[in-house]
Protein backbone atom coordinates (compact mmCIF):
# COMPACT_ATOMS: atom_id res chain seq x y z
CA UNK A 1 -16.93 -8.28 5.48
CA UNK A 2 -18.45 -7.65 1.91
CA UNK A 3 -20.35 -4.40 1.66
CA UNK A 4 -18.87 -2.96 4.58
CA UNK A 5 -15.38 -3.17 3.79
CA UNK A 6 -14.95 -0.11 1.57
CA UNK A 7 -16.65 2.22 3.78
CA UNK A 8 -14.85 0.85 6.80
CA UNK A 9 -11.57 1.26 5.00
CA UNK A 10 -12.58 4.84 4.00
CA UNK A 11 -13.32 5.64 7.64
CA UNK A 12 -10.15 4.15 8.98
CA UNK A 13 -8.42 6.12 6.46
CA UNK A 14 -10.06 9.21 6.96
CA UNK A 15 -9.27 8.85 10.94
CA UNK A 16 -5.52 8.01 10.09
CA UNK A 17 -6.09 4.62 11.19
CA UNK A 18 -5.76 2.68 8.07
CA UNK A 19 -2.75 0.40 7.44
CA UNK A 20 -0.84 1.29 4.04
CA UNK A 21 2.37 -0.40 2.72
CA UNK A 22 4.80 2.38 1.10
CA UNK A 23 6.70 0.61 -1.34
CA UNK A 24 10.08 2.28 -2.84
CA UNK A 25 11.77 1.09 -6.18
CA UNK A 26 15.05 2.31 -7.58
CA UNK A 27 15.69 2.38 -11.30
CA UNK A 28 13.09 3.30 -11.81
CA UNK A 29 12.66 5.70 -8.77
CA UNK A 30 9.03 5.24 -7.73
CA UNK A 31 7.05 5.12 -4.45
CA UNK A 32 3.91 3.08 -4.85
CA UNK A 33 1.38 3.19 -2.02
CA UNK A 34 -0.98 0.08 -1.16
CA UNK A 35 -3.94 0.37 0.93
CA UNK A 36 -5.96 1.35 2.79
CA UNK A 37 -6.65 -1.83 4.86
CA UNK A 38 -8.27 -1.80 8.34
CA UNK A 39 -6.02 -4.74 9.68
CA UNK A 40 -2.33 -4.78 9.43
CA UNK A 41 -2.52 -8.66 9.07
CA UNK A 42 -4.69 -8.44 5.96
CA UNK A 43 -2.37 -5.82 4.42
CA UNK A 44 0.25 -8.40 5.09
CA UNK A 45 -1.58 -10.96 3.16
CA UNK A 46 -2.58 -9.08 0.26
CA UNK A 47 0.83 -7.23 -0.21
CA UNK A 48 2.93 -10.38 -1.38
CA UNK A 49 1.06 -10.88 -4.96
CA UNK A 50 1.54 -6.85 -5.54
CA UNK A 51 5.27 -7.18 -4.62
CA UNK A 52 5.59 -10.05 -6.59
CA UNK A 53 4.22 -8.01 -9.74
CA UNK A 54 6.44 -5.40 -9.12
CA UNK A 55 9.46 -7.71 -8.81
CA UNK A 56 8.74 -8.94 -12.32
CA UNK A 57 9.36 -5.47 -13.60
CA UNK A 58 12.86 -5.89 -12.76
CA UNK A 59 13.53 -2.65 -10.38
CA UNK A 60 17.16 -2.49 -9.05
CA UNK A 61 15.83 -2.16 -5.48
CA UNK A 62 12.56 -3.04 -3.94
CA UNK A 63 11.76 -1.81 -0.31
CA UNK A 64 8.50 -1.58 1.86
CA UNK A 65 7.42 -0.68 5.07
CA UNK A 66 4.25 -1.03 6.49
CA UNK A 67 2.54 2.44 7.98
CA UNK A 68 -0.52 3.40 9.90
CA UNK A 69 -1.71 6.76 8.24
CA UNK A 70 -4.20 8.89 6.29
CA UNK A 71 -3.30 8.64 2.71
CA UNK A 72 -4.84 10.25 -0.54
CA UNK A 73 -4.01 10.40 -4.07
CA UNK A 74 -1.37 10.24 -5.65
CA UNK A 75 -0.89 6.44 -4.91
CA UNK A 76 2.24 6.18 -7.16
CA UNK A 77 4.90 9.04 -7.23
CA UNK A 78 7.84 8.93 -9.96
CA UNK A 79 10.80 10.68 -8.38
């Protein structure tokens, strides 16, 4: 995909067709948004290292779900 991937992801996001992962942690209470991706399986493949990095920070709870949506800043929200 290379040169076309960023505009394609931006277009998919603008149309509400992009795949995002919503990752919630407790202690600290933070919501992270990871994406956008055009294909769900690409998001799933790229998500594992992101989750591993968050787990290394030691949150009490780490939950995630995959969502097809339109999403803009902020991508990290502290509660």
